[in-house]
């Protein structure tokens, strides 16, 4: 069995810390994330405020920790919805082929033709939608990638003897797809999930930076970057701290996804 290499282990450590922030962030913050101390406004990093304070005297470290929940849970939901739909439609397209595959492929082509981030900006902006609307829109726009990747992997598997054997036994299509095909494309499913998560993480942050989908003044990483951009030269910690968290989360998730894909693929080929 191929073991996870050191890049995956190194990537897993920051992700584990971020996950702790997501689960218990409010209990770990040194100060209430929205507590204002005007006498300490725009102070640099100190022993009491490791990442300094913003123009309202709010502790940047506390806001970064608290913002992890909003920054991560939304993209996770987007990736989960996209992959669940991708599994259902991708397996159906690969198994039934013909007209079913054609209809699903045309649907994917239509969604692919849409500029995802621009559509999200327009829809969320016009609807004045908040977090839930942003999740739904980004999930819809993430589905084409998930469907296409899972369909491609399942199409390769559907032509192998074990699928033909299951069909010769007249097993129900649902059984063949979800008990035989799906376990053999788990590496692709995992990689697709993490890819969609990373894309959604960046999209969420971009929308919040533009003032869409995020509440002004909230402890969201994208909002924090936007609020600190005018002081980027004089008070760089305001924007750099949340920006580093976004980059760190995206890079670590990508590295971990690649490692899991390689390991799961090696396990499957060794059987």
Protein backbone atom coordinates (compact mmCIF):
# COMPACT_ATOMS: atom_id res chain seq x y z
CA UNK A 1 0.00 0.00 0.00
CA UNK A 2 1.38 3.36 -0.99
CA UNK A 3 1.74 5.68 1.98
CA UNK A 4 1.03 9.39 1.97
CA UNK A 5 4.26 11.28 1.33
CA UNK A 6 5.71 14.12 3.35
CA UNK A 7 4.02 16.85 1.22
CA UNK A 8 0.61 15.46 2.21
CA UNK A 9 1.59 15.28 5.87
CA UNK A 10 2.91 18.85 5.80
CA UNK A 11 -0.28 20.03 4.08
CA UNK A 12 -2.51 18.17 6.53
CA UNK A 13 -1.16 20.04 9.57
CA UNK A 14 -2.36 23.55 8.58
CA UNK A 15 -5.66 22.11 7.37
CA UNK A 16 -6.14 20.42 10.73
CA UNK A 17 -5.51 23.72 12.51
CA UNK A 18 -7.97 25.50 10.21
CA UNK A 19 -10.53 22.77 10.87
CA UNK A 20 -10.14 23.39 14.60
CA UNK A 21 -10.76 27.09 13.93
CA UNK A 22 -13.92 26.19 12.00
CA UNK A 23 -15.26 23.96 14.76
CA UNK A 24 -14.25 25.93 17.84
CA UNK A 25 -13.00 29.26 16.52
CA UNK A 26 -15.02 31.53 18.79
CA UNK A 27 -13.73 29.68 21.86
CA UNK A 28 -10.12 30.09 20.71
CA UNK A 29 -10.05 33.79 19.87
CA UNK A 30 -7.95 35.92 22.27
CA UNK A 31 -10.56 38.70 22.05
CA UNK A 32 -14.16 38.95 20.77
CA UNK A 33 -13.72 39.35 17.00
CA UNK A 34 -15.98 42.42 16.79
CA UNK A 35 -14.93 44.07 20.06
CA UNK A 36 -13.73 47.63 19.40
CA UNK A 37 -10.89 49.27 21.30
CA UNK A 38 -10.55 52.65 19.62
CA UNK A 39 -7.60 53.62 21.75
CA UNK A 40 -5.68 50.75 20.12
CA UNK A 41 -6.79 51.42 16.54
CA UNK A 42 -4.31 50.60 13.78
CA UNK A 43 -1.65 49.36 16.17
CA UNK A 44 0.98 47.01 14.81
CA UNK A 45 1.70 43.49 16.02
CA UNK A 46 2.47 43.35 19.75
CA UNK A 47 2.62 40.75 22.50
CA UNK A 48 -1.07 41.34 23.22
CA UNK A 49 -2.19 41.56 19.58
CA UNK A 50 0.02 39.25 17.55
CA UNK A 51 -1.34 40.41 14.18
CA UNK A 52 -2.12 43.96 15.25
CA UNK A 53 -5.49 45.71 15.23
CA UNK A 54 -7.57 47.38 12.54
CA UNK A 55 -8.80 50.99 12.40
CA UNK A 56 -11.55 50.19 14.91
CA UNK A 57 -9.18 48.53 17.34
CA UNK A 58 -10.43 45.01 16.60
CA UNK A 59 -7.90 42.23 17.06
CA UNK A 60 -6.89 40.91 13.62
CA UNK A 61 -5.87 37.45 14.86
CA UNK A 62 -9.26 36.95 16.54
CA UNK A 63 -11.04 38.01 13.35
CA UNK A 64 -8.94 35.68 11.20
CA UNK A 65 -9.69 32.73 13.50
CA UNK A 66 -13.40 33.56 13.70
CA UNK A 67 -13.63 34.08 9.94
CA UNK A 68 -12.43 30.56 9.20
CA UNK A 69 -15.92 29.17 9.79
CA UNK A 70 -17.60 31.32 7.16
CA UNK A 71 -14.67 31.00 4.75
CA UNK A 72 -14.52 27.19 4.85
CA UNK A 73 -18.06 25.90 5.46
CA UNK A 74 -19.53 27.62 2.39
CA UNK A 75 -16.99 26.16 -0.06
CA UNK A 76 -17.38 22.75 1.58
CA UNK A 77 -21.13 22.88 0.97
CA UNK A 78 -20.56 23.99 -2.61
CA UNK A 79 -18.15 21.11 -3.25
CA UNK A 80 -20.45 18.59 -1.56
CA UNK A 81 -23.50 19.59 -3.62
CA UNK A 82 -21.49 19.69 -6.85
CA UNK A 83 -19.96 16.25 -6.27
CA UNK A 84 -23.26 14.62 -5.25
CA UNK A 85 -24.89 15.90 -8.45
CA UNK A 86 -21.76 15.03 -10.41
CA UNK A 87 -21.85 11.44 -9.16
CA UNK A 88 -25.53 11.02 -10.04
CA UNK A 89 -25.40 12.54 -13.52
CA UNK A 90 -21.86 11.42 -14.35
CA UNK A 91 -22.59 7.78 -13.55
CA UNK A 92 -25.88 7.92 -15.44
CA UNK A 93 -24.19 9.37 -18.52
CA UNK A 94 -21.40 6.75 -18.45
CA UNK A 95 -23.71 3.80 -17.78
CA UNK A 96 -26.66 4.50 -20.09
CA UNK A 97 -24.73 6.37 -22.79
CA UNK A 98 -26.71 7.17 -25.94
CA UNK A 99 -29.46 9.75 -25.50
CA UNK A 100 -28.97 10.09 -21.73
CA UNK A 101 -25.28 10.86 -22.19
CA UNK A 102 -26.08 13.31 -24.98
CA UNK A 103 -28.62 15.26 -22.91
CA UNK A 104 -26.35 15.45 -19.86
CA UNK A 105 -23.35 16.44 -22.00
CA UNK A 106 -25.32 19.28 -23.65
CA UNK A 107 -26.40 20.53 -20.23
CA UNK A 108 -22.78 20.52 -19.09
CA UNK A 109 -21.72 22.38 -22.24
CA UNK A 110 -24.31 25.09 -21.61
CA UNK A 111 -23.18 25.58 -18.01
CA UNK A 112 -19.53 25.57 -19.08
CA UNK A 113 -20.24 28.39 -21.52
CA UNK A 114 -21.25 30.68 -18.66
CA UNK A 115 -18.52 32.86 -17.10
CA UNK A 116 -18.90 31.47 -13.58
CA UNK A 117 -17.63 34.35 -11.46
CA UNK A 118 -19.41 36.98 -13.55
CA UNK A 119 -22.70 35.07 -13.32
CA UNK A 120 -22.25 34.74 -9.56
CA UNK A 121 -21.61 38.49 -9.23
CA UNK A 122 -24.72 39.35 -11.27
CA UNK A 123 -27.10 36.83 -9.64
CA UNK A 124 -26.00 37.41 -6.04
CA UNK A 125 -25.81 41.16 -6.57
CA UNK A 126 -29.23 41.53 -8.20
CA UNK A 127 -30.96 39.24 -5.71
CA UNK A 128 -29.23 40.95 -2.77
CA UNK A 129 -28.67 37.40 -1.65
CA UNK A 130 -26.52 36.45 1.25
CA UNK A 131 -24.62 33.36 2.22
CA UNK A 132 -27.23 30.77 1.18
CA UNK A 133 -27.76 32.27 -2.28
CA UNK A 134 -24.01 32.44 -2.82
CA UNK A 135 -23.66 28.75 -1.91
CA UNK A 136 -26.46 27.72 -4.28
CA UNK A 137 -25.16 29.79 -7.20
CA UNK A 138 -21.57 28.60 -6.84
CA UNK A 139 -22.74 24.98 -6.42
CA UNK A 140 -24.69 25.22 -9.69
CA UNK A 141 -21.70 26.69 -11.48
CA UNK A 142 -19.36 24.02 -10.05
CA UNK A 143 -21.48 21.11 -11.25
CA UNK A 144 -20.18 20.96 -14.86
CA UNK A 145 -16.62 20.21 -13.74
CA UNK A 146 -17.76 17.51 -11.33
CA UNK A 147 -20.10 15.90 -13.88
CA UNK A 148 -17.49 15.88 -16.65
CA UNK A 149 -14.65 14.49 -14.51
CA UNK A 150 -16.78 11.76 -12.92
CA UNK A 151 -18.38 10.86 -16.26
CA UNK A 152 -14.94 10.52 -17.84
CA UNK A 153 -13.67 8.19 -15.10
CA UNK A 154 -16.89 6.15 -15.05
CA UNK A 155 -16.88 5.77 -18.85
CA UNK A 156 -13.49 4.05 -18.68
CA UNK A 157 -14.71 1.70 -15.95
CA UNK A 158 -18.06 0.93 -17.61
CA UNK A 159 -16.31 -0.89 -20.44
CA UNK A 160 -14.42 -3.29 -18.15
CA UNK A 161 -15.40 -6.96 -17.67
CA UNK A 162 -16.69 -6.60 -14.10
CA UNK A 163 -19.42 -4.21 -15.30
CA UNK A 164 -20.37 -6.56 -18.13
CA UNK A 165 -20.52 -9.41 -15.61
CA UNK A 166 -22.82 -7.42 -13.35
CA UNK A 167 -25.04 -6.58 -16.29
CA UNK A 168 -25.16 -10.22 -17.40
CA UNK A 169 -26.52 -11.07 -13.95
CA UNK A 170 -29.30 -8.55 -14.64
CA UNK A 171 -28.52 -6.48 -11.61
CA UNK A 172 -30.48 -3.22 -11.36
CA UNK A 173 -28.78 -0.24 -12.96
CA UNK A 174 -28.63 1.55 -9.62
CA UNK A 175 -26.78 -1.38 -8.08
CA UNK A 176 -24.26 -1.53 -10.91
CA UNK A 177 -23.62 2.22 -10.80
CA UNK A 178 -23.38 2.76 -7.06
CA UNK A 179 -22.04 -0.59 -5.80
CA UNK A 180 -19.69 -1.47 -8.64
CA UNK A 181 -18.80 1.62 -10.66
CA UNK A 182 -18.66 4.21 -7.88
CA UNK A 183 -16.13 2.42 -5.60
CA UNK A 184 -13.74 2.21 -8.54
CA UNK A 185 -13.78 5.94 -9.25
CA UNK A 186 -13.30 7.09 -5.65
CA UNK A 187 -9.89 8.70 -6.46
CA UNK A 188 -11.55 10.91 -9.07
CA UNK A 189 -14.42 11.76 -6.71
CA UNK A 190 -12.00 12.81 -3.95
CA UNK A 191 -9.89 14.89 -6.34
CA UNK A 192 -13.00 16.53 -7.79
CA UNK A 193 -14.35 17.37 -4.35
CA UNK A 194 -11.13 19.09 -3.25
CA UNK A 195 -10.78 20.89 -6.59
CA UNK A 196 -14.32 22.26 -6.29
CA UNK A 197 -13.60 23.25 -2.69
CA UNK A 198 -10.52 25.26 -3.66
CA UNK A 199 -12.31 27.00 -6.55
CA UNK A 200 -15.29 27.82 -4.32
CA UNK A 201 -13.01 29.11 -1.56
CA UNK A 202 -11.43 31.59 -3.94
CA UNK A 203 -14.80 32.54 -5.44
CA UNK A 204 -16.33 33.14 -2.00
CA UNK A 205 -13.42 35.35 -1.02
CA UNK A 206 -13.58 37.25 -4.31
CA UNK A 207 -17.30 37.94 -3.90
CA UNK A 208 -16.81 39.05 -0.29
CA UNK A 209 -13.95 41.31 -1.41
CA UNK A 210 -16.29 42.94 -3.92
CA UNK A 211 -18.92 43.45 -1.23
CA UNK A 212 -21.22 40.72 -2.55
CA UNK A 213 -22.37 37.83 -0.38
CA UNK A 214 -20.58 39.11 2.71
CA UNK A 215 -21.69 41.57 5.37
CA UNK A 216 -19.60 44.77 5.70
CA UNK A 217 -17.57 44.71 8.89
CA UNK A 218 -17.96 40.97 9.37
CA UNK A 219 -15.02 38.73 10.19
CA UNK A 220 -14.81 37.18 6.73
CA UNK A 221 -11.46 36.78 5.05
CA UNK A 222 -12.54 38.44 1.80
CA UNK A 223 -14.18 41.33 3.64
CA UNK A 224 -11.07 41.79 5.78
CA UNK A 225 -8.86 42.01 2.69
CA UNK A 226 -11.18 44.63 1.20
CA UNK A 227 -11.24 46.66 4.39
CA UNK A 228 -7.45 46.71 4.64
CA UNK A 229 -6.57 47.33 1.00
CA UNK A 230 -6.31 51.11 1.40
CA UNK A 231 -3.75 50.68 4.19
CA UNK A 232 -1.81 47.92 2.45
CA UNK A 233 1.45 49.91 2.56
CA UNK A 234 1.14 51.42 6.03
CA UNK A 235 -0.70 48.55 7.77
CA UNK A 236 -0.08 45.43 5.67
CA UNK A 237 -1.14 43.01 8.42
CA UNK A 238 -4.80 43.95 7.88
CA UNK A 239 -4.95 42.36 4.42
CA UNK A 240 -1.99 39.99 4.49
CA UNK A 241 -3.25 37.88 7.41
CA UNK A 242 -6.56 36.80 5.78
CA UNK A 243 -4.91 36.60 2.34
CA UNK A 244 -2.28 34.19 3.66
CA UNK A 245 -5.04 32.05 5.22
CA UNK A 246 -6.85 31.80 1.88
CA UNK A 247 -3.67 30.89 0.01
CA UNK A 248 -2.57 28.42 2.69
CA UNK A 249 -5.95 26.68 2.72
CA UNK A 250 -6.11 26.45 -1.08
CA UNK A 251 -2.54 25.19 -1.51
CA UNK A 252 -2.77 22.62 1.29
CA UNK A 253 -6.11 21.30 0.04
CA UNK A 254 -4.68 20.94 -3.47
CA UNK A 255 -1.57 19.10 -2.28
CA UNK A 256 -3.62 16.81 -0.05
CA UNK A 257 -6.04 16.10 -2.90
CA UNK A 258 -3.22 15.13 -5.26
CA UNK A 259 -1.70 12.85 -2.63
CA UNK A 260 -4.99 11.13 -1.88
CA UNK A 261 -5.62 10.64 -5.59
CA UNK A 262 -2.22 9.00 -6.10
CA UNK A 263 -2.61 6.78 -3.04
CA UNK A 264 -6.15 5.64 -3.82
CA UNK A 265 -5.25 5.00 -7.46
CA UNK A 266 -2.25 2.89 -6.41
CA UNK A 267 -4.45 0.91 -4.01
CA UNK A 268 -7.02 0.22 -6.71
CA UNK A 269 -4.40 -0.89 -9.26
CA UNK A 270 -2.77 -3.18 -6.69
CA UNK A 271 -5.94 -5.21 -6.24
